[in-house]
Amino acid sequence: MIKKVVVGKDVTYIGMFSFMQCNNLAAVEFEKESTLENIGWGAFGYCGALTEIMIPANVKEITNYAFYNCKKLTTVDFEE
């Protein structure tokens, strides 16, 4: 059961459906100086426990349905 994901600073892409239906995923953390640029289609779809996320400043694209049906997701912040 996955409850937390820490995305390494050298990860540039979170692929399509990477964490889809991880129903217990409550936290996604990005390491400092993240180089993430793209969050793929449905990457966090149906993550029912996810309530908030901080998108790193380098992200250029969040594709369709990246957070589809995350019913408890109430806060999405973007780094400056």
PDB file of N, CA and C in Angstrom:
ATOM      1  N   MET A   1       0.841  -1.157   0.000  1.00  0.00           N
ATOM      2  CA  MET A   1       0.000   0.000   0.000  1.00  0.00           C
ATOM      3  C   MET A   1       0.906   1.246   0.000  1.00  0.00           C
ATOM      4  N   ILE A   2       0.765   2.073  -1.005  1.00  0.00           N
ATOM      5  CA  ILE A   2       1.567   3.293  -1.136  1.00  0.00           C
ATOM      6  C   ILE A   2       0.827   4.454  -0.481  1.00  0.00           C
ATOM      7  N   LYS A   3       1.492   5.082   0.504  1.00  0.00           N
ATOM      8  CA  LYS A   3       0.887   6.215   1.201  1.00  0.00           C
ATOM      9  C   LYS A   3       1.572   7.534   0.870  1.00  0.00           C
ATOM     10  N   LYS A   4       2.861   7.453   0.500  1.00  0.00           N
ATOM     11  CA  LYS A   4       3.623   8.664   0.208  1.00  0.00           C
ATOM     12  C   LYS A   4       4.608   8.374  -0.916  1.00  0.00           C
ATOM     13  N   VAL A   5       4.761   9.349  -1.805  1.00  0.00           N
ATOM     14  CA  VAL A   5       5.726   9.254  -2.899  1.00  0.00           C
ATOM     15  C   VAL A   5       6.660  10.446  -2.799  1.00  0.00           C
ATOM     16  N   VAL A   6       7.965  10.179  -2.874  1.00  0.00           N
ATOM     17  CA  VAL A   6       8.957  11.238  -2.927  1.00  0.00           C
ATOM     18  C   VAL A   6       9.585  11.172  -4.317  1.00  0.00           C
ATOM     19  N   VAL A   7       9.416  12.242  -5.080  1.00  0.00           N
ATOM     20  CA  VAL A   7       9.924  12.300  -6.454  1.00  0.00           C
ATOM     21  C   VAL A   7      11.317  12.923  -6.406  1.00  0.00           C
ATOM     22  N   GLY A   8      12.300  12.184  -6.893  1.00  0.00           N
ATOM     23  CA  GLY A   8      13.685  12.636  -6.872  1.00  0.00           C
ATOM     24  C   GLY A   8      13.921  13.873  -7.712  1.00  0.00           C
ATOM     25  N   LYS A   9      14.979  14.610  -7.364  1.00  0.00           N
ATOM     26  CA  LYS A   9      15.245  15.879  -8.035  1.00  0.00           C
ATOM     27  C   LYS A   9      15.617  15.723  -9.500  1.00  0.00           C
ATOM     28  N   ASP A  10      16.074  14.552  -9.918  1.00  0.00           N
ATOM     29  CA  ASP A  10      16.474  14.349 -11.310  1.00  0.00           C
ATOM     30  C   ASP A  10      15.369  13.792 -12.197  1.00  0.00           C
ATOM     31  N   VAL A  11      14.194  13.565 -11.640  1.00  0.00           N
ATOM     32  CA  VAL A  11      13.061  13.064 -12.419  1.00  0.00           C
ATOM     33  C   VAL A  11      12.468  14.233 -13.202  1.00  0.00           C
ATOM     34  N   THR A  12      12.385  14.075 -14.528  1.00  0.00           N
ATOM     35  CA  THR A  12      11.852  15.148 -15.376  1.00  0.00           C
ATOM     36  C   THR A  12      10.423  14.871 -15.849  1.00  0.00           C
ATOM     37  N   TYR A  13       9.966  13.624 -15.732  1.00  0.00           N
ATOM     38  CA  TYR A  13       8.647  13.255 -16.258  1.00  0.00           C
ATOM     39  C   TYR A  13       8.018  12.201 -15.362  1.00  0.00           C
ATOM     40  N   ILE A  14       6.788  12.431 -14.968  1.00  0.00           N
ATOM     41  CA  ILE A  14       5.998  11.406 -14.286  1.00  0.00           C
ATOM     42  C   ILE A  14       5.073  10.842 -15.350  1.00  0.00           C
ATOM     43  N   GLY A  15       5.293   9.607 -15.695  1.00  0.00           N
ATOM     44  CA  GLY A  15       4.631   8.986 -16.833  1.00  0.00           C
ATOM     45  C   GLY A  15       3.146   8.742 -16.676  1.00  0.00           C
ATOM     46  N   MET A  16       2.546   8.484 -17.811  1.00  0.00           N
ATOM     47  CA  MET A  16       1.126   8.221 -17.920  1.00  0.00           C
ATOM     48  C   MET A  16       0.715   7.078 -16.976  1.00  0.00           C
ATOM     49  N   PHE A  17      -0.284   7.330 -16.153  1.00  0.00           N
ATOM     50  CA  PHE A  17      -0.866   6.352 -15.221  1.00  0.00           C
ATOM     51  C   PHE A  17       0.117   5.847 -14.153  1.00  0.00           C
ATOM     52  N   SER A  18       1.204   6.565 -13.896  1.00  0.00           N
ATOM     53  CA  SER A  18       2.232   6.107 -12.948  1.00  0.00           C
ATOM     54  C   SER A  18       1.686   5.721 -11.576  1.00  0.00           C
ATOM     55  N   PHE A  19       0.810   6.519 -11.029  1.00  0.00           N
ATOM     56  CA  PHE A  19       0.284   6.257  -9.695  1.00  0.00           C
ATOM     57  C   PHE A  19      -1.234   6.131  -9.698  1.00  0.00           C
ATOM     58  N   MET A  20      -1.788   5.848 -10.842  1.00  0.00           N
ATOM     59  CA  MET A  20      -3.239   5.755 -10.979  1.00  0.00           C
ATOM     60  C   MET A  20      -3.786   4.690 -10.034  1.00  0.00           C
ATOM     61  N   GLN A  21      -4.867   5.018  -9.385  1.00  0.00           N
ATOM     62  CA  GLN A  21      -5.606   4.157  -8.464  1.00  0.00           C
ATOM     63  C   GLN A  21      -4.791   3.761  -7.237  1.00  0.00           C
ATOM     64  N   CYS A  22      -3.833   4.579  -6.858  1.00  0.00           N
ATOM     65  CA  CYS A  22      -3.156   4.389  -5.572  1.00  0.00           C
ATOM     66  C   CYS A  22      -4.056   5.041  -4.524  1.00  0.00           C
ATOM     67  N   ASN A  23      -5.070   4.318  -4.144  1.00  0.00           N
ATOM     68  CA  ASN A  23      -6.141   4.864  -3.315  1.00  0.00           C
ATOM     69  C   ASN A  23      -5.691   5.388  -1.958  1.00  0.00           C
ATOM     70  N   ASN A  24      -4.560   4.909  -1.451  1.00  0.00           N
ATOM     71  CA  ASN A  24      -4.079   5.329  -0.142  1.00  0.00           C
ATOM     72  C   ASN A  24      -2.991   6.388  -0.229  1.00  0.00           C
ATOM     73  N   LEU A  25      -2.658   6.819  -1.441  1.00  0.00           N
ATOM     74  CA  LEU A  25      -1.617   7.829  -1.619  1.00  0.00           C
ATOM     75  C   LEU A  25      -2.119   9.167  -1.091  1.00  0.00           C
ATOM     76  N   ALA A  26      -1.534   9.603   0.040  1.00  0.00           N
ATOM     77  CA  ALA A  26      -1.995  10.825   0.689  1.00  0.00           C
ATOM     78  C   ALA A  26      -1.009  11.976   0.533  1.00  0.00           C
ATOM     79  N   ALA A  27       0.245  11.673   0.136  1.00  0.00           N
ATOM     80  CA  ALA A  27       1.247  12.734   0.055  1.00  0.00           C
ATOM     81  C   ALA A  27       2.193  12.506  -1.128  1.00  0.00           C
ATOM     82  N   VAL A  28       2.449  13.578  -1.857  1.00  0.00           N
ATOM     83  CA  VAL A  28       3.439  13.566  -2.935  1.00  0.00           C
ATOM     84  C   VAL A  28       4.413  14.692  -2.616  1.00  0.00           C
ATOM     85  N   GLU A  29       5.676  14.328  -2.487  1.00  0.00           N
ATOM     86  CA  GLU A  29       6.709  15.301  -2.140  1.00  0.00           C
ATOM     87  C   GLU A  29       7.745  15.344  -3.258  1.00  0.00           C
ATOM     88  N   PHE A  30       8.159  16.533  -3.608  1.00  0.00           N
ATOM     89  CA  PHE A  30       9.190  16.713  -4.627  1.00  0.00           C
ATOM     90  C   PHE A  30      10.456  17.200  -3.943  1.00  0.00           C
ATOM     91  N   GLU A  31      11.578  16.537  -4.227  1.00  0.00           N
ATOM     92  CA  GLU A  31      12.836  16.955  -3.621  1.00  0.00           C
ATOM     93  C   GLU A  31      13.173  18.377  -4.037  1.00  0.00           C
ATOM     94  N   LYS A  32      13.912  19.071  -3.190  1.00  0.00           N
ATOM     95  CA  LYS A  32      14.342  20.435  -3.494  1.00  0.00           C
ATOM     96  C   LYS A  32      15.144  20.440  -4.784  1.00  0.00           C
ATOM     97  N   GLU A  33      15.049  21.532  -5.490  1.00  0.00           N
ATOM     98  CA  GLU A  33      15.719  21.710  -6.787  1.00  0.00           C
ATOM     99  C   GLU A  33      15.218  20.705  -7.825  1.00  0.00           C
ATOM    100  N   SER A  34      13.942  20.396  -7.745  1.00  0.00           N
ATOM    101  CA  SER A  34      13.312  19.465  -8.679  1.00  0.00           C
ATOM    102  C   SER A  34      13.480  19.933 -10.117  1.00  0.00           C
ATOM    103  N   THR A  35      13.712  18.980 -11.013  1.00  0.00           N
ATOM    104  CA  THR A  35      13.814  19.274 -12.443  1.00  0.00           C
ATOM    105  C   THR A  35      12.588  18.770 -13.205  1.00  0.00           C
ATOM    106  N   LEU A  36      11.543  18.402 -12.481  1.00  0.00           N
ATOM    107  CA  LEU A  36      10.321  17.884 -13.100  1.00  0.00           C
ATOM    108  C   LEU A  36       9.757  18.906 -14.080  1.00  0.00           C
ATOM    109  N   GLU A  37       9.426  18.441 -15.288  1.00  0.00           N
ATOM    110  CA  GLU A  37       8.870  19.314 -16.324  1.00  0.00           C
ATOM    111  C   GLU A  37       7.476  18.914 -16.766  1.00  0.00           C
ATOM    112  N   ASN A  38       7.106  17.643 -16.611  1.00  0.00           N
ATOM    113  CA  ASN A  38       5.853  17.165 -17.168  1.00  0.00           C
ATOM    114  C   ASN A  38       5.209  16.132 -16.255  1.00  0.00           C
ATOM    115  N   ILE A  39       3.909  16.280 -16.048  1.00  0.00           N
ATOM    116  CA  ILE A  39       3.119  15.284 -15.323  1.00  0.00           C
ATOM    117  C   ILE A  39       2.167  14.670 -16.337  1.00  0.00           C
ATOM    118  N   GLY A  40       2.330  13.387 -16.568  1.00  0.00           N
ATOM    119  CA  GLY A  40       1.635  12.692 -17.645  1.00  0.00           C
ATOM    120  C   GLY A  40       0.156  12.434 -17.422  1.00  0.00           C
ATOM    121  N   TRP A  41      -0.485  12.071 -18.501  1.00  0.00           N
ATOM    122  CA  TRP A  41      -1.916  11.761 -18.572  1.00  0.00           C
ATOM    123  C   TRP A  41      -2.297  10.774 -17.468  1.00  0.00           C
ATOM    124  N   GLY A  42      -3.210  11.159 -16.608  1.00  0.00           N
ATOM    125  CA  GLY A  42      -3.729  10.272 -15.572  1.00  0.00           C
ATOM    126  C   GLY A  42      -2.710   9.838 -14.530  1.00  0.00           C
ATOM    127  N   ALA A  43      -1.594  10.534 -14.415  1.00  0.00           N
ATOM    128  CA  ALA A  43      -0.507  10.110 -13.527  1.00  0.00           C
ATOM    129  C   ALA A  43      -0.964   9.858 -12.092  1.00  0.00           C
ATOM    130  N   PHE A  44      -1.854  10.689 -11.590  1.00  0.00           N
ATOM    131  CA  PHE A  44      -2.352  10.538 -10.228  1.00  0.00           C
ATOM    132  C   PHE A  44      -3.863  10.306 -10.214  1.00  0.00           C
ATOM    133  N   GLY A  45      -4.414   9.853 -11.312  1.00  0.00           N
ATOM    134  CA  GLY A  45      -5.847   9.624 -11.414  1.00  0.00           C
ATOM    135  C   GLY A  45      -6.355   8.657 -10.362  1.00  0.00           C
ATOM    136  N   TYR A  46      -7.490   8.968  -9.791  1.00  0.00           N
ATOM    137  CA  TYR A  46      -8.164   8.123  -8.799  1.00  0.00           C
ATOM    138  C   TYR A  46      -7.350   7.917  -7.524  1.00  0.00           C
ATOM    139  N   CYS A  47      -6.497   8.858  -7.187  1.00  0.00           N
ATOM    140  CA  CYS A  47      -5.777   8.798  -5.910  1.00  0.00           C
ATOM    141  C   CYS A  47      -6.688   9.407  -4.850  1.00  0.00           C
ATOM    142  N   GLY A  48      -7.527   8.571  -4.298  1.00  0.00           N
ATOM    143  CA  GLY A  48      -8.616   9.028  -3.443  1.00  0.00           C
ATOM    144  C   GLY A  48      -8.225   9.684  -2.133  1.00  0.00           C
ATOM    145  N   ALA A  49      -7.009   9.453  -1.642  1.00  0.00           N
ATOM    146  CA  ALA A  49      -6.600  10.032  -0.359  1.00  0.00           C
ATOM    147  C   ALA A  49      -5.782  11.311  -0.523  1.00  0.00           C
ATOM    148  N   LEU A  50      -5.424  11.650  -1.746  1.00  0.00           N
ATOM    149  CA  LEU A  50      -4.592  12.831  -1.998  1.00  0.00           C
ATOM    150  C   LEU A  50      -5.410  14.094  -1.753  1.00  0.00           C
ATOM    151  N   THR A  51      -4.919  14.949  -0.838  1.00  0.00           N
ATOM    152  CA  THR A  51      -5.665  16.153  -0.480  1.00  0.00           C
ATOM    153  C   THR A  51      -4.994  17.436  -0.939  1.00  0.00           C
ATOM    154  N   GLU A  52      -3.667  17.412  -1.087  1.00  0.00           N
ATOM    155  CA  GLU A  52      -2.956  18.615  -1.527  1.00  0.00           C
ATOM    156  C   GLU A  52      -1.656  18.233  -2.223  1.00  0.00           C
ATOM    157  N   ILE A  53      -1.175  19.164  -3.052  1.00  0.00           N
ATOM    158  CA  ILE A  53       0.080  18.940  -3.767  1.00  0.00           C
ATOM    159  C   ILE A  53       0.713  20.297  -4.087  1.00  0.00           C
ATOM    160  N   MET A  54       2.031  20.322  -4.051  1.00  0.00           N
ATOM    161  CA  MET A  54       2.796  21.519  -4.407  1.00  0.00           C
ATOM    162  C   MET A  54       3.543  21.182  -5.696  1.00  0.00           C
ATOM    163  N   ILE A  55       3.182  21.861  -6.780  1.00  0.00           N
ATOM    164  CA  ILE A  55       3.786  21.616  -8.087  1.00  0.00           C
ATOM    165  C   ILE A  55       5.101  22.406  -8.179  1.00  0.00           C
ATOM    166  N   PRO A  56       6.210  21.727  -8.507  1.00  0.00           N
ATOM    167  CA  PRO A  56       7.498  22.421  -8.617  1.00  0.00           C
ATOM    168  C   PRO A  56       7.500  23.490  -9.708  1.00  0.00           C
ATOM    169  N   ALA A  57       8.352  24.476  -9.540  1.00  0.00           N
ATOM    170  CA  ALA A  57       8.419  25.622 -10.455  1.00  0.00           C
ATOM    171  C   ALA A  57       8.788  25.246 -11.884  1.00  0.00           C
ATOM    172  N   ASN A  58       9.549  24.180 -12.073  1.00  0.00           N
ATOM    173  CA  ASN A  58      10.005  23.803 -13.416  1.00  0.00           C
ATOM    174  C   ASN A  58       8.934  23.132 -14.276  1.00  0.00           C
ATOM    175  N   VAL A  59       7.820  22.759 -13.679  1.00  0.00           N
ATOM    176  CA  VAL A  59       6.779  22.045 -14.434  1.00  0.00           C
ATOM    177  C   VAL A  59       6.213  22.954 -15.517  1.00  0.00           C
ATOM    178  N   LYS A  60       6.294  22.465 -16.750  1.00  0.00           N
ATOM    179  CA  LYS A  60       5.812  23.219 -17.906  1.00  0.00           C
ATOM    180  C   LYS A  60       4.475  22.697 -18.407  1.00  0.00           C
ATOM    181  N   GLU A  61       4.189  21.435 -18.110  1.00  0.00           N
ATOM    182  CA  GLU A  61       2.954  20.843 -18.635  1.00  0.00           C
ATOM    183  C   GLU A  61       2.367  19.848 -17.640  1.00  0.00           C
ATOM    184  N   ILE A  62       1.094  20.017 -17.393  1.00  0.00           N
ATOM    185  CA  ILE A  62       0.304  19.040 -16.653  1.00  0.00           C
ATOM    186  C   ILE A  62      -0.750  18.571 -17.639  1.00  0.00           C
ATOM    187  N   THR A  63      -0.625  17.346 -18.085  1.00  0.00           N
ATOM    188  CA  THR A  63      -1.501  16.864 -19.151  1.00  0.00           C
ATOM    189  C   THR A  63      -2.904  16.569 -18.634  1.00  0.00           C
ATOM    190  N   ASN A  64      -3.796  16.353 -19.575  1.00  0.00           N
ATOM    191  CA  ASN A  64      -5.192  16.073 -19.247  1.00  0.00           C
ATOM    192  C   ASN A  64      -5.319  14.926 -18.258  1.00  0.00           C
ATOM    193  N   TYR A  65      -6.259  15.066 -17.376  1.00  0.00           N
ATOM    194  CA  TYR A  65      -6.629  14.026 -16.430  1.00  0.00           C
ATOM    195  C   TYR A  65      -5.500  13.612 -15.476  1.00  0.00           C
ATOM    196  N   ALA A  66      -4.466  14.429 -15.329  1.00  0.00           N
ATOM    197  CA  ALA A  66      -3.348  14.101 -14.434  1.00  0.00           C
ATOM    198  C   ALA A  66      -3.836  13.824 -13.012  1.00  0.00           C
ATOM    199  N   PHE A  67      -4.870  14.543 -12.594  1.00  0.00           N
ATOM    200  CA  PHE A  67      -5.409  14.363 -11.248  1.00  0.00           C
ATOM    201  C   PHE A  67      -6.890  13.990 -11.311  1.00  0.00           C
ATOM    202  N   TYR A  68      -7.266  13.258 -12.316  1.00  0.00           N
ATOM    203  CA  TYR A  68      -8.662  12.906 -12.554  1.00  0.00           C
ATOM    204  C   TYR A  68      -9.253  12.131 -11.379  1.00  0.00           C
ATOM    205  N   ASN A  69     -10.408  12.555 -10.967  1.00  0.00           N
ATOM    206  CA  ASN A  69     -11.206  11.900  -9.936  1.00  0.00           C
ATOM    207  C   ASN A  69     -10.484  11.798  -8.587  1.00  0.00           C
ATOM    208  N   CYS A  70      -9.638  12.779  -8.299  1.00  0.00           N
ATOM    209  CA  CYS A  70      -9.019  12.886  -6.969  1.00  0.00           C
ATOM    210  C   CYS A  70      -9.994  13.696  -6.117  1.00  0.00           C
ATOM    211  N   LYS A  71     -10.993  13.038  -5.625  1.00  0.00           N
ATOM    212  CA  LYS A  71     -12.130  13.711  -5.001  1.00  0.00           C
ATOM    213  C   LYS A  71     -11.791  14.500  -3.744  1.00  0.00           C
ATOM    214  N   LYS A  72     -10.704  14.168  -3.064  1.00  0.00           N
ATOM    215  CA  LYS A  72     -10.324  14.887  -1.851  1.00  0.00           C
ATOM    216  C   LYS A  72      -9.256  15.949  -2.108  1.00  0.00           C
ATOM    217  N   LEU A  73      -8.798  16.057  -3.332  1.00  0.00           N
ATOM    218  CA  LEU A  73      -7.759  17.041  -3.666  1.00  0.00           C
ATOM    219  C   LEU A  73      -8.379  18.434  -3.639  1.00  0.00           C
ATOM    220  N   THR A  74      -8.022  19.204  -2.622  1.00  0.00           N
ATOM    221  CA  THR A  74      -8.608  20.533  -2.451  1.00  0.00           C
ATOM    222  C   THR A  74      -7.593  21.653  -2.621  1.00  0.00           C
ATOM    223  N   THR A  75      -6.295  21.330  -2.523  1.00  0.00           N
ATOM    224  CA  THR A  75      -5.275  22.380  -2.619  1.00  0.00           C
ATOM    225  C   THR A  75      -4.186  21.980  -3.601  1.00  0.00           C
ATOM    226  N   VAL A  76      -4.021  22.811  -4.628  1.00  0.00           N
ATOM    227  CA  VAL A  76      -2.922  22.633  -5.584  1.00  0.00           C
ATOM    228  C   VAL A  76      -2.176  23.961  -5.610  1.00  0.00           C
ATOM    229  N   ASP A  77      -0.931  23.927  -5.139  1.00  0.00           N
ATOM    230  CA  ASP A  77      -0.115  25.125  -5.119  1.00  0.00           C
ATOM    231  C   ASP A  77       1.013  24.980  -6.122  1.00  0.00           C
ATOM    232  N   PHE A  78       1.475  26.125  -6.610  1.00  0.00           N
ATOM    233  CA  PHE A  78       2.575  26.144  -7.580  1.00  0.00           C
ATOM    234  C   PHE A  78       3.726  26.946  -6.995  1.00  0.00           C
ATOM    235  N   GLU A  79       4.929  26.359  -7.011  1.00  0.00           N
ATOM    236  CA  GLU A  79       6.103  27.098  -6.570  1.00  0.00           C
ATOM    237  C   GLU A  79       6.330  28.283  -7.477  1.00  0.00           C
ATOM    238  N   GLU A  80       6.907  29.321  -6.915  1.00  0.00           N
ATOM    239  CA  GLU A  80       7.215  30.516  -7.713  1.00  0.00           C
ATOM    240  C   GLU A  80       8.411  30.265  -8.594  1.00  0.00           C
TER     241      GLU A  80
END
